[in-house]
């Protein structure tokens, strides 16, 4: 579902590095004389069009065109303390469809997606407030006008080379495409993890306690880059309070051939759905499908992916099959018109038990978007 793919450690550093938008890893801070306070402002204007043929013909009434403006502001008080803000304003230009579909849930509106204080000292960073999170099973879903975000307290340490230690206590979630913050997470909800990556060997282990959804979870992954081929594996065990526990494991193999990036992935789910908040990192997810939700007894899921860049044009084609009668075929295109302007298009064809309840055939979906950064 995410057009831009981010590395785990880069995603972990999202709120510490910026106020929202492009994600970059945090660099260790070297002590220096105090600098003058500085404010940086960046922004993005987005136009996003969505349509499908589930209830009407393509480009019929079931469509929406929305305009969004994201303004990222960072104010540096000292070398170690920064305030970050990301404000999002939006306007749906079409009347709501037969589905009552407005991006962000309303005709127009605005909200702060990120608003935090970030303190960094000697390899340790504390982020307090609204922020982006990118852990494997608790992360902001990045789609449409703005990624999902969280109100949380996150402590991260990168003192050991190639190793990132993370602890995050989460109090609220703003799910993707839901407008202003409004979803409290009752009880204690936290994630503890360690991620290692030296470009050859990579891996992470995580423990989640999510009182809001009555489960705890262990997650682990491991990868090795042989140079021409990279092999990865993952495992998650979810302990539900009052429901069947579940396990999932997966494997992924990726390589490059004649300029094409190729990958094949597999997940096996048993006994129940896999717990997650926002979005998850299971290998066989697609643009429209989270394999963590695809439980129907024990299921197997498979995905093949091919991508290539042609100068300013990037293209990706994938096919995923879930043996509970769901499949998805995706074509994703992106083109950089300039350093400031990029456009994209997504075509999806999918079928599932949900779509079959409404239509006799598969569903086609088209998304078109343009971004202007300033």
Protein backbone atom coordinates (compact mmCIF):
# COMPACT_ATOMS: atom_id res chain seq x y z
CA UNK A 1 0.00 0.00 0.00
CA UNK A 2 2.94 2.31 0.49
CA UNK A 3 4.33 3.86 -2.67
CA UNK A 4 7.57 4.85 -0.93
CA UNK A 5 9.33 1.95 0.76
CA UNK A 6 11.34 2.77 3.85
CA UNK A 7 14.02 0.83 5.69
CA UNK A 8 13.17 -0.14 9.25
CA UNK A 9 15.77 2.03 10.97
CA UNK A 10 14.94 5.00 8.74
CA UNK A 11 11.27 4.64 9.60
CA UNK A 12 12.03 4.38 13.31
CA UNK A 13 13.73 7.76 13.12
CA UNK A 14 10.79 9.50 11.46
CA UNK A 15 9.71 11.90 14.16
CA UNK A 16 13.20 12.55 15.46
CA UNK A 17 14.49 13.62 12.09
CA UNK A 18 11.68 15.74 10.68
CA UNK A 19 8.19 17.05 11.36
CA UNK A 20 6.55 14.75 8.86
CA UNK A 21 7.04 13.96 5.15
CA UNK A 22 10.23 12.35 3.87
CA UNK A 23 11.88 10.10 6.44
CA UNK A 24 15.61 10.12 7.04
CA UNK A 25 17.77 8.35 9.65
CA UNK A 26 18.90 10.19 12.75
CA UNK A 27 22.60 11.01 12.88
CA UNK A 28 24.35 10.90 16.28
CA UNK A 29 24.77 14.39 17.71
CA UNK A 30 28.29 15.70 18.31
CA UNK A 31 28.48 18.24 21.11
CA UNK A 32 29.24 21.74 19.83
CA UNK A 33 28.74 25.32 20.97
CA UNK A 34 25.09 26.29 21.14
CA UNK A 35 23.77 27.48 17.80
CA UNK A 36 21.28 30.25 17.24
CA UNK A 37 17.66 29.18 17.17
CA UNK A 38 16.55 28.29 13.66
CA UNK A 39 13.19 27.61 12.07
CA UNK A 40 12.85 25.53 8.92
CA UNK A 41 9.66 25.37 6.86
CA UNK A 42 8.87 22.90 4.10
CA UNK A 43 5.63 21.91 2.47
CA UNK A 44 3.78 19.75 -0.02
CA UNK A 45 0.65 20.23 -2.10
CA UNK A 46 -1.12 17.02 -3.12
CA UNK A 47 -3.89 16.29 -5.57
CA UNK A 48 -5.34 12.78 -5.23
CA UNK A 49 -8.04 11.09 -7.32
CA UNK A 50 -9.62 7.73 -6.44
CA UNK A 51 -12.22 5.64 -8.26
CA UNK A 52 -13.37 2.00 -8.44
CA UNK A 53 -16.12 -0.03 -10.07
CA UNK A 54 -17.45 -1.96 -7.06
CA UNK A 55 -20.84 -0.22 -6.98
CA UNK A 56 -20.80 1.80 -10.21
CA UNK A 57 -18.89 1.97 -13.47
CA UNK A 58 -15.31 3.19 -13.35
CA UNK A 59 -15.13 7.00 -13.12
CA UNK A 60 -18.81 7.01 -12.15
CA UNK A 61 -20.23 8.28 -8.85
CA UNK A 62 -17.91 6.23 -6.64
CA UNK A 63 -14.94 8.55 -6.92
CA UNK A 64 -13.31 11.46 -5.16
CA UNK A 65 -10.76 14.17 -5.94
CA UNK A 66 -9.13 15.79 -2.93
CA UNK A 67 -6.56 18.53 -2.52
CA UNK A 68 -4.23 18.54 0.47
CA UNK A 69 -1.56 20.87 1.82
CA UNK A 70 1.05 19.66 4.31
CA UNK A 71 3.21 22.23 6.09
CA UNK A 72 6.23 20.93 8.04
CA UNK A 73 7.80 23.28 10.57
CA UNK A 74 10.80 22.59 12.81
CA UNK A 75 12.12 25.07 15.36
CA UNK A 76 15.52 24.36 16.88
CA UNK A 77 15.80 25.85 20.37
CA UNK A 78 19.27 24.45 21.02
CA UNK A 79 21.58 21.82 19.55
CA UNK A 80 19.67 19.17 21.49
CA UNK A 81 16.04 20.38 21.61
CA UNK A 82 13.69 20.80 18.62
CA UNK A 83 9.95 21.35 18.23
CA UNK A 84 8.36 19.64 15.20
CA UNK A 85 4.97 20.31 13.64
CA UNK A 86 3.18 18.95 10.59
CA UNK A 87 -0.15 20.61 9.77
CA UNK A 88 -2.48 19.12 7.14
CA UNK A 89 -5.33 20.96 5.43
CA UNK A 90 -7.62 19.30 2.90
CA UNK A 91 -10.60 19.88 0.59
CA UNK A 92 -12.72 17.27 -1.18
CA UNK A 93 -13.75 18.79 -4.49
CA UNK A 94 -16.54 16.34 -5.40
CA UNK A 95 -19.77 15.57 -3.61
CA UNK A 96 -19.55 12.42 -1.52
CA UNK A 97 -20.15 9.31 -3.55
CA UNK A 98 -22.81 6.67 -2.99
CA UNK A 99 -20.44 5.30 -0.34
CA UNK A 100 -20.44 8.67 1.47
CA UNK A 101 -16.72 8.80 0.77
CA UNK A 102 -14.75 11.91 1.70
CA UNK A 103 -10.99 11.78 2.18
CA UNK A 104 -10.27 12.32 5.89
CA UNK A 105 -13.97 11.79 6.63
CA UNK A 106 -15.24 15.33 5.93
CA UNK A 107 -15.70 17.79 3.07
CA UNK A 108 -12.85 19.97 4.33
CA UNK A 109 -10.78 20.39 7.45
CA UNK A 110 -7.35 20.68 9.02
CA UNK A 111 -5.38 19.01 11.81
CA UNK A 112 -1.90 18.65 13.30
CA UNK A 113 -0.57 15.25 12.26
CA UNK A 114 2.74 15.79 14.09
CA UNK A 115 3.39 18.03 17.10
CA UNK A 116 6.26 17.01 19.34
CA UNK A 117 9.37 17.98 21.24
CA UNK A 118 12.50 16.05 20.27
CA UNK A 119 15.51 15.97 22.57
CA UNK A 120 18.77 14.34 21.45
CA UNK A 121 21.96 13.82 23.44
CA UNK A 122 24.94 11.58 22.77
CA UNK A 123 23.10 9.01 20.63
CA UNK A 124 19.87 9.00 22.64
CA UNK A 125 16.69 10.64 21.35
CA UNK A 126 13.39 11.29 23.16
CA UNK A 127 10.30 12.20 21.11
CA UNK A 128 7.26 13.35 23.12
CA UNK A 129 3.94 14.12 21.44
CA UNK A 130 2.32 13.44 18.08
CA UNK A 131 4.75 11.54 15.88
CA UNK A 132 5.26 8.99 13.12
CA UNK A 133 6.15 5.44 14.13
CA UNK A 134 7.52 2.69 11.90
CA UNK A 135 7.85 -0.50 13.92
CA UNK A 136 6.93 -3.80 12.18
CA UNK A 137 3.51 -4.29 13.82
CA UNK A 138 2.68 -0.77 14.98
CA UNK A 139 3.14 1.87 12.31
CA UNK A 140 1.45 4.75 10.51
CA UNK A 141 -0.27 3.65 7.33
CA UNK A 142 1.01 5.98 4.55
CA UNK A 143 -1.68 6.46 1.90
CA UNK A 144 -3.79 9.24 0.37
CA UNK A 145 -3.15 12.69 1.88
CA UNK A 146 -1.13 11.98 5.05
CA UNK A 147 0.26 8.99 6.99
CA UNK A 148 -1.34 7.76 10.18
CA UNK A 149 0.34 8.98 13.36
CA UNK A 150 0.42 8.50 17.11
CA UNK A 151 0.56 10.39 20.37
CA UNK A 152 3.43 8.68 22.13
CA UNK A 153 6.63 8.92 24.13
CA UNK A 154 9.48 7.28 22.24
CA UNK A 155 13.04 6.74 23.48
CA UNK A 156 15.65 5.63 20.94
CA UNK A 157 19.36 4.92 21.26
CA UNK A 158 21.91 4.50 18.45
CA UNK A 159 25.12 4.50 20.51
CA UNK A 160 26.12 1.02 19.35
CA UNK A 161 27.15 0.86 15.68
CA UNK A 162 24.43 -0.57 13.40
CA UNK A 163 22.09 -1.16 16.37
CA UNK A 164 18.96 0.84 17.24
CA UNK A 165 17.16 0.31 20.56
CA UNK A 166 13.59 1.63 20.81
CA UNK A 167 10.91 1.91 23.47
CA UNK A 168 7.59 3.60 22.78
CA UNK A 169 4.55 4.20 25.01
CA UNK A 170 1.48 5.04 22.91
CA UNK A 171 -1.62 6.86 24.17
CA UNK A 172 -3.52 7.78 20.97
CA UNK A 173 -3.65 6.81 17.32
CA UNK A 174 -4.80 8.76 14.29
CA UNK A 175 -5.57 6.06 11.78
CA UNK A 176 -4.87 6.88 8.15
CA UNK A 177 -7.62 8.86 6.39
CA UNK A 178 -9.62 9.61 9.56
CA UNK A 179 -9.07 13.36 10.00
CA UNK A 180 -8.26 14.85 13.40
CA UNK A 181 -6.95 12.81 16.34
CA UNK A 182 -9.81 11.21 18.23
CA UNK A 183 -8.95 7.61 19.05
CA UNK A 184 -7.63 7.14 22.60
CA UNK A 185 -5.87 3.85 23.26
CA UNK A 186 -7.06 2.74 26.71
CA UNK A 187 -4.79 0.87 29.07
CA UNK A 188 -1.07 0.42 28.59
CA UNK A 189 0.13 0.20 25.00
CA UNK A 190 3.85 -0.05 24.34
CA UNK A 191 6.51 -1.49 22.07
CA UNK A 192 10.10 -2.44 22.88
CA UNK A 193 12.51 -3.39 20.13
CA UNK A 194 16.05 -3.75 18.88
CA UNK A 195 17.01 -3.50 15.20
CA UNK A 196 20.41 -4.38 13.71
CA UNK A 197 21.61 -3.70 10.17
CA UNK A 198 25.20 -3.74 8.88
CA UNK A 199 24.11 -3.90 5.21
CA UNK A 200 24.85 -7.64 5.12
CA UNK A 201 23.14 -9.01 8.22
CA UNK A 202 19.91 -7.44 9.44
CA UNK A 203 17.32 -8.37 12.01
CA UNK A 204 14.99 -7.11 14.71
CA UNK A 205 13.08 -8.37 17.74
CA UNK A 206 10.02 -6.69 19.24
CA UNK A 207 7.62 -7.08 22.12
CA UNK A 208 4.20 -5.39 22.04
CA UNK A 209 1.63 -4.97 24.80
CA UNK A 210 -1.63 -3.59 23.37
CA UNK A 211 -4.27 -3.34 26.11
CA UNK A 212 -6.53 -1.41 23.71
CA UNK A 213 -6.99 -4.57 21.63
CA UNK A 214 -6.39 -7.10 24.45
CA UNK A 215 -3.24 -8.77 23.17
CA UNK A 216 0.49 -9.07 23.61
CA UNK A 217 2.85 -10.07 20.83
CA UNK A 218 6.38 -11.18 20.05
CA UNK A 219 7.80 -10.38 16.61
CA UNK A 220 11.18 -11.20 15.07
CA UNK A 221 12.81 -11.04 11.65
CA UNK A 222 16.22 -11.88 10.19
CA UNK A 223 17.82 -11.20 6.82
CA UNK A 224 21.11 -11.90 5.08
CA UNK A 225 22.37 -10.21 1.94
CA UNK A 226 24.58 -12.57 -0.08
CA UNK A 227 25.32 -9.83 -2.61
CA UNK A 228 23.33 -11.12 -5.55
CA UNK A 229 20.47 -12.49 -3.43
CA UNK A 230 18.89 -11.39 -0.15
CA UNK A 231 17.01 -13.88 2.02
CA UNK A 232 14.67 -12.82 4.85
CA UNK A 233 12.42 -14.49 7.37
CA UNK A 234 9.87 -13.28 9.94
CA UNK A 235 7.77 -14.69 12.78
CA UNK A 236 5.03 -13.27 15.00
CA UNK A 237 3.08 -14.82 17.87
CA UNK A 238 0.00 -12.96 19.14
CA UNK A 239 -1.49 -13.82 22.54
CA UNK A 240 -5.12 -12.64 22.58
CA UNK A 241 -7.05 -12.24 25.82
CA UNK A 242 -10.34 -14.11 25.35
CA UNK A 243 -9.68 -15.35 21.79
CA UNK A 244 -7.54 -17.95 20.05
CA UNK A 245 -3.85 -17.09 19.90
CA UNK A 246 -2.21 -16.89 16.49
CA UNK A 247 1.14 -17.39 14.81
CA UNK A 248 2.48 -16.25 11.46
CA UNK A 249 5.77 -16.86 9.76
CA UNK A 250 7.12 -15.72 6.43
CA UNK A 251 10.01 -15.92 4.02
CA UNK A 252 11.18 -13.60 1.27
CA UNK A 253 13.84 -13.86 -1.42
CA UNK A 254 14.87 -10.85 -3.51
CA UNK A 255 17.45 -10.21 -6.22
CA UNK A 256 18.25 -7.96 -9.17
CA UNK A 257 18.51 -9.13 -12.77
CA UNK A 258 19.28 -6.91 -15.78
CA UNK A 259 18.15 -3.85 -13.86
CA UNK A 260 14.92 -5.43 -12.61
CA UNK A 261 14.33 -5.91 -8.86
CA UNK A 262 12.59 -9.25 -8.27
CA UNK A 263 11.13 -10.73 -5.11
CA UNK A 264 9.05 -13.72 -4.02
CA UNK A 265 7.40 -13.83 -0.60
CA UNK A 266 5.37 -16.29 1.49
CA UNK A 267 3.37 -16.06 4.73
CA UNK A 268 1.56 -18.79 6.66
CA UNK A 269 -1.07 -17.79 9.24
CA UNK A 270 -2.62 -20.11 11.80
CA UNK A 271 -5.55 -20.03 14.26
CA UNK A 272 -6.49 -16.31 14.16
CA UNK A 273 -5.68 -12.91 12.70
CA UNK A 274 -2.31 -11.30 13.48
CA UNK A 275 -2.49 -8.32 15.82
CA UNK A 276 -1.25 -4.91 14.63
CA UNK A 277 -2.05 -1.21 14.99
CA UNK A 278 -2.29 1.00 11.90
CA UNK A 279 -0.38 -1.19 9.45
CA UNK A 280 2.03 -4.11 9.55
CA UNK A 281 5.20 -5.39 7.91
CA UNK A 282 4.15 -8.88 6.78
CA UNK A 283 5.85 -9.78 3.51
CA UNK A 284 2.79 -10.57 1.37
CA UNK A 285 0.85 -7.35 1.98
CA UNK A 286 -0.30 -5.59 -1.18
CA UNK A 287 -1.62 -2.13 -2.05
CA UNK A 288 -5.15 -3.06 -0.95
CA UNK A 289 -4.59 -6.13 1.21
CA UNK A 290 -3.21 -6.71 4.69
CA UNK A 291 -2.43 -10.41 4.99
CA UNK A 292 -2.67 -10.07 8.79
CA UNK A 293 -6.47 -9.76 8.36
CA UNK A 294 -6.88 -12.66 5.93
CA UNK A 295 -7.57 -15.40 8.44
CA UNK A 296 -10.00 -18.19 7.54
CA UNK A 297 -8.66 -21.18 9.35
CA UNK A 298 -5.03 -21.69 8.36
CA UNK A 299 -4.03 -19.85 5.20
CA UNK A 300 -1.05 -19.56 2.89
CA UNK A 301 -0.22 -16.33 1.12
CA UNK A 302 2.13 -15.79 -1.83
CA UNK A 303 3.39 -12.66 -3.57
CA UNK A 304 5.57 -12.01 -6.62
CA UNK A 305 6.94 -8.52 -7.29
CA UNK A 306 8.90 -6.96 -10.16
CA UNK A 307 10.10 -3.34 -10.22
CA UNK A 308 12.42 -1.20 -12.35
CA UNK A 309 13.46 2.43 -12.69
CA UNK A 310 13.82 4.05 -16.09
CA UNK A 311 15.57 7.36 -15.35
CA UNK A 312 12.78 9.48 -13.79
CA UNK A 313 10.14 6.75 -14.22
CA UNK A 314 9.65 3.96 -11.68
CA UNK A 315 7.38 0.98 -12.23
CA UNK A 316 6.27 -1.91 -10.05
CA UNK A 317 4.05 -4.89 -10.87
CA UNK A 318 2.96 -7.45 -8.28
CA UNK A 319 0.57 -10.35 -7.84
CA UNK A 320 -0.53 -11.76 -4.48
CA UNK A 321 -2.65 -14.84 -3.86
CA UNK A 322 -4.25 -15.77 -0.54
CA UNK A 323 -5.75 -19.25 -0.41
CA UNK A 324 -8.96 -18.07 1.25
CA UNK A 325 -10.20 -17.03 -2.21
CA UNK A 326 -8.54 -13.62 -2.36
CA UNK A 327 -6.07 -12.30 -4.88
CA UNK A 328 -4.66 -8.91 -5.88
CA UNK A 329 -2.84 -7.61 -8.96
CA UNK A 330 -1.14 -4.19 -8.76
CA UNK A 331 0.57 -1.86 -11.22
CA UNK A 332 2.25 1.16 -9.60
CA UNK A 333 3.88 3.94 -11.63
CA UNK A 334 5.75 7.05 -10.50
CA UNK A 335 7.40 9.84 -12.47
CA UNK A 336 9.59 12.70 -11.23
CA UNK A 337 8.79 15.67 -13.42
CA UNK A 338 11.33 17.78 -11.51
CA UNK A 339 12.89 17.96 -8.07
CA UNK A 340 9.67 19.59 -6.87
CA UNK A 341 6.97 17.82 -8.88
CA UNK A 342 6.13 14.11 -9.02
CA UNK A 343 3.12 12.22 -10.35
CA UNK A 344 1.88 8.69 -9.83
CA UNK A 345 -0.74 6.18 -10.92
CA UNK A 346 -1.96 2.94 -9.38
CA UNK A 347 -4.13 0.24 -10.94
CA UNK A 348 -5.50 -2.55 -8.73
CA UNK A 349 -7.57 -5.60 -9.63
CA UNK A 350 -8.69 -7.71 -6.67
CA UNK A 351 -11.28 -10.16 -5.47
CA UNK A 352 -12.23 -11.43 -2.02
CA UNK A 353 -15.15 -12.75 -0.01
CA UNK A 354 -16.03 -9.12 0.80
CA UNK A 355 -16.23 -8.02 -2.83
CA UNK A 356 -18.13 -11.17 -3.81
CA UNK A 357 -20.85 -10.19 -1.32
CA UNK A 358 -21.55 -7.11 -3.46
CA UNK A 359 -20.47 -7.96 -7.00
CA UNK A 360 -20.11 -11.15 -9.00
CA UNK A 361 -16.74 -10.26 -10.46
CA UNK A 362 -13.45 -8.73 -9.39
CA UNK A 363 -13.07 -5.03 -8.56
CA UNK A 364 -10.95 -2.58 -10.52
CA UNK A 365 -9.49 0.45 -8.78
CA UNK A 366 -7.56 3.46 -10.13
CA UNK A 367 -5.66 6.11 -8.17
CA UNK A 368 -3.93 9.18 -9.66
CA UNK A 369 -1.90 11.69 -7.68
CA UNK A 370 0.47 14.62 -8.07
CA UNK A 371 2.77 16.16 -5.43
CA UNK A 372 4.44 19.55 -5.45
CA UNK A 373 7.10 20.14 -2.78
CA UNK A 374 8.12 23.62 -1.72
